[in-house]
Amino acid sequence: MFKYPRLIKTGLNLWPPFLFSGIKISELANDYRYLKVELKHSRLTLNANRTQFGGSIYSMTDPVYSLLLMANLGHKYHVWDKSAEIDYVYPGHTKLIATAHLSQSVLDDILLNTQHGEKYFPKFQFNVVDLEGRLVAKVNRTLYVRLKAAYRKNNNV
């Protein structure tokens, strides 16, 4: 499923929640360790104050770390969003950009904490910035990661 990053990127960019919200993945590394997502600035993405709609800012970060983790951990793991929170710092008056980086140390930490079938809740932060580099929002996401039952040593629930 994750062999073809260009195909995944294209598919996500055509996915209705992204396509119709002005959200676009502009970069996806071949190893699924880096992703850049953008929210265009248009009449369709603005709120009543003529700044970027907060729901779209939130949505642009939604599946990102889940995707990166699923691609790197493989089919033996459940990876889901557990919770998220957003802090709107500055109004978005331009196109907005967020990047995600997945380091080997984060992957090692997840593998260590899930090796016996335990649930693990890694946390990730996005800084959403405008074209001038100003911080517009901080989005904190907590994911759920666990070995699927078939791969757990004790097959614990």
N, C-alpha and C. Protein backbone atom coordinates (compact mmCIF):
# COMPACT_ATOMS: atom_id res chain seq x y z
N MET A 1 0.82 -1.20 0.00
CA MET A 1 0.00 0.00 0.00
C MET A 1 0.86 1.26 0.00
N PHE A 2 1.98 1.23 0.71
CA PHE A 2 2.78 2.44 0.85
C PHE A 2 4.04 2.41 -0.01
N LYS A 3 4.05 1.60 -1.05
CA LYS A 3 5.23 1.51 -1.91
C LYS A 3 5.40 2.73 -2.80
N TYR A 4 4.31 3.42 -3.07
CA TYR A 4 4.34 4.47 -4.08
C TYR A 4 3.94 5.83 -3.49
N PRO A 5 4.90 6.56 -2.92
CA PRO A 5 4.57 7.83 -2.28
C PRO A 5 3.92 8.85 -3.21
N ARG A 6 4.33 8.87 -4.47
CA ARG A 6 3.70 9.82 -5.41
C ARG A 6 2.22 9.51 -5.60
N LEU A 7 1.89 8.23 -5.65
CA LEU A 7 0.49 7.82 -5.79
C LEU A 7 -0.31 8.15 -4.53
N ILE A 8 0.28 7.92 -3.37
CA ILE A 8 -0.38 8.26 -2.10
C ILE A 8 -0.61 9.76 -2.02
N LYS A 9 0.40 10.53 -2.38
CA LYS A 9 0.29 11.99 -2.36
C LYS A 9 -0.83 12.46 -3.29
N THR A 10 -0.86 11.93 -4.49
CA THR A 10 -1.91 12.29 -5.45
C THR A 10 -3.28 11.90 -4.93
N GLY A 11 -3.38 10.70 -4.38
CA GLY A 11 -4.65 10.23 -3.84
C GLY A 11 -5.15 11.11 -2.71
N LEU A 12 -4.26 11.50 -1.82
CA LEU A 12 -4.67 12.38 -0.72
C LEU A 12 -5.07 13.75 -1.22
N ASN A 13 -4.38 14.24 -2.24
CA ASN A 13 -4.73 15.55 -2.78
C ASN A 13 -6.08 15.53 -3.51
N LEU A 14 -6.52 14.35 -3.94
CA LEU A 14 -7.83 14.20 -4.57
C LEU A 14 -8.91 13.77 -3.57
N TRP A 15 -8.51 13.43 -2.37
CA TRP A 15 -9.43 13.01 -1.31
C TRP A 15 -10.35 14.19 -0.99
N PRO A 16 -11.65 14.02 -1.05
CA PRO A 16 -12.57 15.14 -0.88
C PRO A 16 -12.34 16.03 0.35
N PRO A 17 -12.05 15.49 1.53
CA PRO A 17 -11.82 16.41 2.66
C PRO A 17 -10.64 17.36 2.45
N PHE A 18 -9.64 16.96 1.69
CA PHE A 18 -8.53 17.86 1.36
C PHE A 18 -8.88 18.71 0.14
N LEU A 19 -9.31 18.06 -0.91
CA LEU A 19 -9.57 18.75 -2.18
C LEU A 19 -10.54 19.91 -2.01
N PHE A 20 -11.64 19.67 -1.31
CA PHE A 20 -12.67 20.70 -1.19
C PHE A 20 -12.42 21.68 -0.04
N SER A 21 -11.33 21.47 0.69
CA SER A 21 -10.97 22.41 1.77
C SER A 21 -9.76 23.26 1.41
N GLY A 22 -9.23 23.08 0.21
CA GLY A 22 -8.07 23.86 -0.20
C GLY A 22 -6.77 23.37 0.39
N ILE A 23 -6.75 22.10 0.82
CA ILE A 23 -5.56 21.51 1.44
C ILE A 23 -4.82 20.66 0.41
N LYS A 24 -3.50 20.80 0.41
CA LYS A 24 -2.70 20.06 -0.57
C LYS A 24 -1.40 19.59 0.07
N ILE A 25 -1.07 18.34 -0.15
CA ILE A 25 0.25 17.83 0.24
C ILE A 25 1.19 18.20 -0.89
N SER A 26 2.14 19.06 -0.59
CA SER A 26 3.05 19.52 -1.64
C SER A 26 4.33 18.69 -1.69
N GLU A 27 4.70 18.06 -0.57
CA GLU A 27 5.90 17.22 -0.56
C GLU A 27 5.64 16.00 0.32
N LEU A 28 6.11 14.86 -0.14
CA LEU A 28 6.08 13.62 0.63
C LEU A 28 7.35 12.86 0.30
N ALA A 29 8.18 12.65 1.31
CA ALA A 29 9.45 11.97 1.10
C ALA A 29 9.21 10.50 0.75
N ASN A 30 10.10 9.94 -0.06
CA ASN A 30 9.99 8.53 -0.47
C ASN A 30 10.02 7.56 0.70
N ASP A 31 10.67 7.97 1.80
CA ASP A 31 10.74 7.10 2.98
C ASP A 31 9.64 7.41 4.00
N TYR A 32 8.73 8.28 3.65
CA TYR A 32 7.62 8.67 4.53
C TYR A 32 8.11 9.21 5.87
N ARG A 33 9.20 9.96 5.84
CA ARG A 33 9.71 10.57 7.07
C ARG A 33 9.49 12.08 7.08
N TYR A 34 9.02 12.62 5.97
CA TYR A 34 8.80 14.07 5.86
C TYR A 34 7.59 14.32 4.98
N LEU A 35 6.77 15.29 5.41
CA LEU A 35 5.61 15.67 4.63
C LEU A 35 5.37 17.17 4.83
N LYS A 36 5.02 17.82 3.75
CA LYS A 36 4.67 19.25 3.80
C LYS A 36 3.26 19.40 3.27
N VAL A 37 2.42 20.07 4.04
CA VAL A 37 1.03 20.27 3.66
C VAL A 37 0.73 21.77 3.65
N GLU A 38 -0.10 22.19 2.70
CA GLU A 38 -0.42 23.60 2.53
C GLU A 38 -1.92 23.82 2.50
N LEU A 39 -2.34 24.96 2.99
CA LEU A 39 -3.73 25.40 2.91
C LEU A 39 -3.76 26.66 2.08
N LYS A 40 -4.40 26.57 0.90
CA LYS A 40 -4.39 27.74 0.03
C LYS A 40 -5.25 28.85 0.63
N HIS A 41 -4.98 30.04 0.19
CA HIS A 41 -5.72 31.23 0.62
C HIS A 41 -6.66 31.62 -0.51
N SER A 42 -7.94 31.41 -0.31
CA SER A 42 -8.92 31.79 -1.33
C SER A 42 -10.24 32.12 -0.63
N ARG A 43 -11.16 32.64 -1.38
CA ARG A 43 -12.47 32.98 -0.81
C ARG A 43 -13.12 31.76 -0.17
N LEU A 44 -12.84 30.59 -0.70
CA LEU A 44 -13.47 29.37 -0.18
C LEU A 44 -12.85 28.85 1.12
N THR A 45 -11.67 29.37 1.49
CA THR A 45 -11.02 28.89 2.72
C THR A 45 -11.03 29.93 3.83
N LEU A 46 -11.73 31.04 3.63
CA LEU A 46 -11.73 32.12 4.61
C LEU A 46 -12.98 32.09 5.49
N ASN A 47 -12.84 32.63 6.69
CA ASN A 47 -13.97 32.74 7.60
C ASN A 47 -14.60 34.14 7.47
N ALA A 48 -15.51 34.47 8.37
CA ALA A 48 -16.21 35.76 8.30
C ALA A 48 -15.27 36.95 8.51
N ASN A 49 -14.12 36.72 9.13
CA ASN A 49 -13.14 37.78 9.36
C ASN A 49 -12.13 37.91 8.23
N ARG A 50 -12.33 37.14 7.16
CA ARG A 50 -11.46 37.14 5.98
C ARG A 50 -10.07 36.59 6.30
N THR A 51 -9.98 35.71 7.29
CA THR A 51 -8.74 35.00 7.60
C THR A 51 -9.01 33.51 7.43
N GLN A 52 -7.97 32.72 7.44
CA GLN A 52 -8.12 31.28 7.21
C GLN A 52 -9.06 30.66 8.23
N PHE A 53 -9.95 29.83 7.73
CA PHE A 53 -10.94 29.14 8.56
C PHE A 53 -10.24 28.16 9.49
N GLY A 54 -10.52 28.25 10.78
CA GLY A 54 -9.86 27.42 11.78
C GLY A 54 -10.04 25.94 11.58
N GLY A 55 -11.21 25.53 11.11
CA GLY A 55 -11.45 24.11 10.86
C GLY A 55 -10.54 23.55 9.78
N SER A 56 -10.24 24.36 8.78
CA SER A 56 -9.32 23.92 7.73
C SER A 56 -7.89 23.85 8.23
N ILE A 57 -7.51 24.78 9.10
CA ILE A 57 -6.18 24.74 9.70
C ILE A 57 -6.02 23.44 10.48
N TYR A 58 -7.04 23.13 11.24
CA TYR A 58 -7.04 21.89 12.03
C TYR A 58 -6.99 20.66 11.11
N SER A 59 -7.81 20.67 10.08
CA SER A 59 -7.91 19.53 9.16
C SER A 59 -6.63 19.25 8.39
N MET A 60 -5.85 20.29 8.11
CA MET A 60 -4.65 20.08 7.30
C MET A 60 -3.63 19.20 8.00
N THR A 61 -3.76 19.04 9.32
CA THR A 61 -2.82 18.20 10.06
C THR A 61 -3.41 16.83 10.40
N ASP A 62 -4.66 16.59 10.04
CA ASP A 62 -5.38 15.42 10.54
C ASP A 62 -4.72 14.07 10.24
N PRO A 63 -4.58 13.65 9.01
CA PRO A 63 -4.09 12.27 8.80
C PRO A 63 -2.57 12.16 8.68
N VAL A 64 -1.86 13.26 8.87
CA VAL A 64 -0.45 13.31 8.49
C VAL A 64 0.42 12.33 9.27
N TYR A 65 0.47 12.45 10.58
CA TYR A 65 1.35 11.54 11.34
C TYR A 65 0.84 10.10 11.32
N SER A 66 -0.46 9.91 11.25
CA SER A 66 -0.98 8.55 11.10
C SER A 66 -0.44 7.91 9.83
N LEU A 67 -0.49 8.65 8.74
CA LEU A 67 0.03 8.16 7.46
C LEU A 67 1.51 7.84 7.55
N LEU A 68 2.29 8.76 8.10
CA LEU A 68 3.73 8.53 8.19
C LEU A 68 4.05 7.31 9.05
N LEU A 69 3.35 7.18 10.17
CA LEU A 69 3.60 6.03 11.04
C LEU A 69 3.15 4.72 10.39
N MET A 70 1.99 4.70 9.77
CA MET A 70 1.53 3.47 9.12
C MET A 70 2.52 3.02 8.05
N ALA A 71 3.04 3.96 7.30
CA ALA A 71 4.00 3.63 6.25
C ALA A 71 5.30 3.09 6.82
N ASN A 72 5.72 3.61 7.97
CA ASN A 72 7.00 3.19 8.56
C ASN A 72 6.89 1.98 9.47
N LEU A 73 5.75 1.81 10.13
CA LEU A 73 5.60 0.66 11.04
C LEU A 73 5.09 -0.58 10.33
N GLY A 74 4.37 -0.40 9.25
CA GLY A 74 3.88 -1.54 8.49
C GLY A 74 2.52 -2.04 8.95
N HIS A 75 2.11 -3.13 8.34
CA HIS A 75 0.75 -3.64 8.52
C HIS A 75 0.49 -4.32 9.87
N LYS A 76 1.50 -4.51 10.67
CA LYS A 76 1.33 -5.19 11.96
C LYS A 76 0.77 -4.28 13.06
N TYR A 77 0.65 -3.00 12.77
CA TYR A 77 0.27 -2.03 13.79
C TYR A 77 -1.05 -1.34 13.47
N HIS A 78 -1.82 -1.10 14.53
CA HIS A 78 -2.94 -0.16 14.47
C HIS A 78 -2.36 1.22 14.72
N VAL A 79 -2.74 2.17 13.91
CA VAL A 79 -2.33 3.56 14.11
C VAL A 79 -3.57 4.42 13.89
N TRP A 80 -3.98 5.10 14.94
CA TRP A 80 -5.16 5.95 14.86
C TRP A 80 -4.89 7.27 15.58
N ASP A 81 -5.64 8.28 15.19
CA ASP A 81 -5.64 9.51 15.98
C ASP A 81 -6.42 9.26 17.26
N LYS A 82 -5.90 9.72 18.37
CA LYS A 82 -6.58 9.59 19.66
C LYS A 82 -7.18 10.91 20.09
N SER A 83 -6.39 11.98 20.01
CA SER A 83 -6.89 13.29 20.40
C SER A 83 -6.05 14.38 19.73
N ALA A 84 -6.59 15.58 19.76
CA ALA A 84 -5.87 16.71 19.19
C ALA A 84 -6.37 17.99 19.84
N GLU A 85 -5.50 18.98 19.83
CA GLU A 85 -5.90 20.30 20.30
C GLU A 85 -5.16 21.34 19.46
N ILE A 86 -5.78 22.50 19.37
CA ILE A 86 -5.19 23.55 18.55
C ILE A 86 -5.18 24.86 19.32
N ASP A 87 -4.10 25.59 19.15
CA ASP A 87 -3.97 26.91 19.73
C ASP A 87 -3.78 27.88 18.57
N TYR A 88 -4.79 28.71 18.33
CA TYR A 88 -4.70 29.71 17.27
C TYR A 88 -3.90 30.89 17.80
N VAL A 89 -2.78 31.19 17.17
CA VAL A 89 -1.85 32.18 17.67
C VAL A 89 -1.98 33.51 16.93
N TYR A 90 -2.15 33.46 15.62
CA TYR A 90 -2.16 34.66 14.79
C TYR A 90 -3.09 34.40 13.61
N PRO A 91 -3.82 35.41 13.16
CA PRO A 91 -4.72 35.19 12.02
C PRO A 91 -3.95 34.82 10.74
N GLY A 92 -4.49 33.88 10.00
CA GLY A 92 -3.87 33.48 8.74
C GLY A 92 -4.37 34.34 7.59
N HIS A 93 -3.49 35.18 7.06
CA HIS A 93 -3.85 36.08 5.97
C HIS A 93 -3.29 35.63 4.62
N THR A 94 -2.52 34.53 4.61
CA THR A 94 -1.89 34.04 3.38
C THR A 94 -2.07 32.52 3.32
N LYS A 95 -1.46 31.93 2.32
CA LYS A 95 -1.38 30.47 2.29
C LYS A 95 -0.66 30.03 3.57
N LEU A 96 -1.08 28.88 4.13
CA LEU A 96 -0.46 28.36 5.35
C LEU A 96 0.28 27.06 5.06
N ILE A 97 1.31 26.81 5.84
CA ILE A 97 2.18 25.66 5.62
C ILE A 97 2.45 24.96 6.95
N ALA A 98 2.43 23.64 6.92
CA ALA A 98 2.83 22.83 8.08
C ALA A 98 3.70 21.69 7.58
N THR A 99 4.71 21.35 8.35
CA THR A 99 5.57 20.23 7.98
C THR A 99 5.59 19.21 9.11
N ALA A 100 5.79 17.96 8.71
CA ALA A 100 5.89 16.86 9.67
C ALA A 100 7.20 16.13 9.41
N HIS A 101 7.91 15.85 10.48
CA HIS A 101 9.17 15.12 10.41
C HIS A 101 9.06 13.91 11.33
N LEU A 102 9.44 12.77 10.85
CA LEU A 102 9.41 11.55 11.65
C LEU A 102 10.83 11.02 11.74
N SER A 103 11.42 11.11 12.93
CA SER A 103 12.81 10.71 13.11
C SER A 103 12.91 9.23 13.47
N GLN A 104 14.09 8.68 13.28
CA GLN A 104 14.34 7.29 13.66
C GLN A 104 14.18 7.11 15.16
N SER A 105 14.57 8.10 15.94
CA SER A 105 14.46 7.98 17.40
C SER A 105 13.00 7.89 17.83
N VAL A 106 12.11 8.60 17.16
CA VAL A 106 10.68 8.50 17.48
C VAL A 106 10.17 7.11 17.12
N LEU A 107 10.56 6.61 15.96
CA LEU A 107 10.15 5.26 15.56
C LEU A 107 10.69 4.22 16.54
N ASP A 108 11.95 4.35 16.94
CA ASP A 108 12.54 3.42 17.90
C ASP A 108 11.78 3.45 19.22
N ASP A 109 11.41 4.65 19.67
CA ASP A 109 10.66 4.80 20.91
C ASP A 109 9.29 4.11 20.82
N ILE A 110 8.62 4.27 19.70
CA ILE A 110 7.32 3.63 19.50
C ILE A 110 7.48 2.11 19.48
N LEU A 111 8.47 1.61 18.76
CA LEU A 111 8.69 0.16 18.70
C LEU A 111 9.02 -0.40 20.07
N LEU A 112 9.82 0.29 20.84
CA LEU A 112 10.18 -0.15 22.18
C LEU A 112 8.95 -0.22 23.09
N ASN A 113 8.10 0.79 23.00
CA ASN A 113 6.95 0.87 23.89
C ASN A 113 5.75 0.04 23.46
N THR A 114 5.83 -0.57 22.30
CA THR A 114 4.72 -1.41 21.83
C THR A 114 5.13 -2.86 21.59
N GLN A 115 6.37 -3.19 21.87
CA GLN A 115 6.91 -4.50 21.50
C GLN A 115 6.19 -5.68 22.15
N HIS A 116 5.57 -5.48 23.30
CA HIS A 116 4.87 -6.57 23.97
C HIS A 116 3.36 -6.44 23.86
N GLY A 117 2.91 -5.59 22.95
CA GLY A 117 1.48 -5.43 22.72
C GLY A 117 0.83 -4.29 23.46
N GLU A 118 1.64 -3.49 24.16
CA GLU A 118 1.09 -2.37 24.90
C GLU A 118 0.56 -1.29 23.96
N LYS A 119 -0.42 -0.55 24.48
CA LYS A 119 -0.89 0.64 23.78
C LYS A 119 0.14 1.74 24.04
N TYR A 120 0.36 2.57 23.04
CA TYR A 120 1.28 3.68 23.20
C TYR A 120 0.67 4.91 22.55
N PHE A 121 0.90 6.06 23.18
CA PHE A 121 0.27 7.30 22.73
C PHE A 121 1.32 8.38 22.44
N PRO A 122 2.02 8.26 21.31
CA PRO A 122 3.02 9.29 20.99
C PRO A 122 2.35 10.62 20.66
N LYS A 123 3.05 11.70 20.99
CA LYS A 123 2.54 13.05 20.76
C LYS A 123 3.38 13.75 19.70
N PHE A 124 2.69 14.50 18.87
CA PHE A 124 3.35 15.24 17.80
C PHE A 124 2.81 16.66 17.77
N GLN A 125 3.66 17.60 17.40
CA GLN A 125 3.23 19.00 17.30
C GLN A 125 3.51 19.53 15.90
N PHE A 126 2.53 20.25 15.40
CA PHE A 126 2.68 20.97 14.14
C PHE A 126 2.74 22.46 14.46
N ASN A 127 3.63 23.15 13.80
CA ASN A 127 3.60 24.60 13.79
C ASN A 127 3.10 25.00 12.41
N VAL A 128 1.94 25.62 12.37
CA VAL A 128 1.37 26.09 11.11
C VAL A 128 1.81 27.53 10.94
N VAL A 129 2.48 27.81 9.83
CA VAL A 129 3.03 29.15 9.60
C VAL A 129 2.47 29.75 8.31
N ASP A 130 2.54 31.07 8.23
CA ASP A 130 2.13 31.74 7.00
C ASP A 130 3.33 31.90 6.08
N LEU A 131 3.14 32.55 4.96
CA LEU A 131 4.23 32.70 3.98
C LEU A 131 5.38 33.55 4.48
N GLU A 132 5.14 34.34 5.51
CA GLU A 132 6.21 35.16 6.09
C GLU A 132 6.89 34.46 7.26
N GLY A 133 6.48 33.21 7.54
CA GLY A 133 7.09 32.46 8.61
C GLY A 133 6.49 32.70 9.98
N ARG A 134 5.42 33.51 10.06
CA ARG A 134 4.77 33.78 11.34
C ARG A 134 3.98 32.56 11.79
N LEU A 135 4.06 32.27 13.07
CA LEU A 135 3.30 31.17 13.64
C LEU A 135 1.83 31.54 13.68
N VAL A 136 1.00 30.75 13.02
CA VAL A 136 -0.44 30.99 12.98
C VAL A 136 -1.16 30.08 13.97
N ALA A 137 -0.71 28.84 14.08
CA ALA A 137 -1.36 27.90 15.00
C ALA A 137 -0.38 26.82 15.41
N LYS A 138 -0.60 26.30 16.62
CA LYS A 138 0.10 25.11 17.10
C LYS A 138 -0.95 24.01 17.21
N VAL A 139 -0.70 22.89 16.58
CA VAL A 139 -1.61 21.76 16.65
C VAL A 139 -0.88 20.60 17.30
N ASN A 140 -1.42 20.15 18.42
CA ASN A 140 -0.86 18.99 19.12
C ASN A 140 -1.76 17.79 18.87
N ARG A 141 -1.14 16.72 18.41
CA ARG A 141 -1.90 15.50 18.10
C ARG A 141 -1.32 14.34 18.89
N THR A 142 -2.21 13.55 19.46
CA THR A 142 -1.83 12.33 20.16
C THR A 142 -2.36 11.15 19.35
N LEU A 143 -1.50 10.20 19.07
CA LEU A 143 -1.90 9.03 18.30
C LEU A 143 -1.97 7.80 19.20
N TYR A 144 -2.68 6.82 18.74
CA TYR A 144 -2.78 5.51 19.38
C TYR A 144 -2.00 4.55 18.50
N VAL A 145 -1.05 3.83 19.09
CA VAL A 145 -0.28 2.85 18.33
C VAL A 145 -0.25 1.56 19.14
N ARG A 146 -0.52 0.46 18.46
CA ARG A 146 -0.49 -0.84 19.13
C ARG A 146 -0.33 -1.94 18.09
N LEU A 147 0.41 -2.96 18.48
CA LEU A 147 0.50 -4.15 17.63
C LEU A 147 -0.89 -4.75 17.46
N LYS A 148 -1.22 -5.21 16.28
CA LYS A 148 -2.49 -5.89 16.08
C LYS A 148 -2.46 -7.20 16.87
N ALA A 149 -3.63 -7.65 17.27
CA ALA A 149 -3.75 -8.83 18.15
C ALA A 149 -2.99 -10.04 17.61
N ALA A 150 -3.02 -10.25 16.34
CA ALA A 150 -2.36 -11.43 15.74
C ALA A 150 -0.85 -11.41 15.93
N TYR A 151 -0.27 -10.24 16.22
CA TYR A 151 1.18 -10.11 16.34
C TYR A 151 1.65 -9.92 17.78
N ARG A 152 0.73 -9.92 18.72
CA ARG A 152 1.10 -9.79 20.13
C ARG A 152 1.54 -11.14 20.67
N LYS A 153 2.58 -11.14 21.49
CA LYS A 153 3.13 -12.39 22.03
C LYS A 153 2.11 -13.15 22.85
N ASN A 154 1.41 -12.45 23.75
CA ASN A 154 0.43 -13.10 24.59
C ASN A 154 -0.99 -12.96 24.07
N ASN A 155 -1.10 -12.34 22.90
CA ASN A 155 -2.39 -12.10 22.26
C ASN A 155 -3.35 -11.39 23.23
N ASN A 156 -2.76 -10.52 24.10
CA ASN A 156 -3.58 -9.81 25.08
C ASN A 156 -4.47 -8.76 24.41
N VAL A 157 -5.56 -8.47 25.05
CA VAL A 157 -6.56 -7.57 24.48
C VAL A 157 -6.21 -6.15 24.69
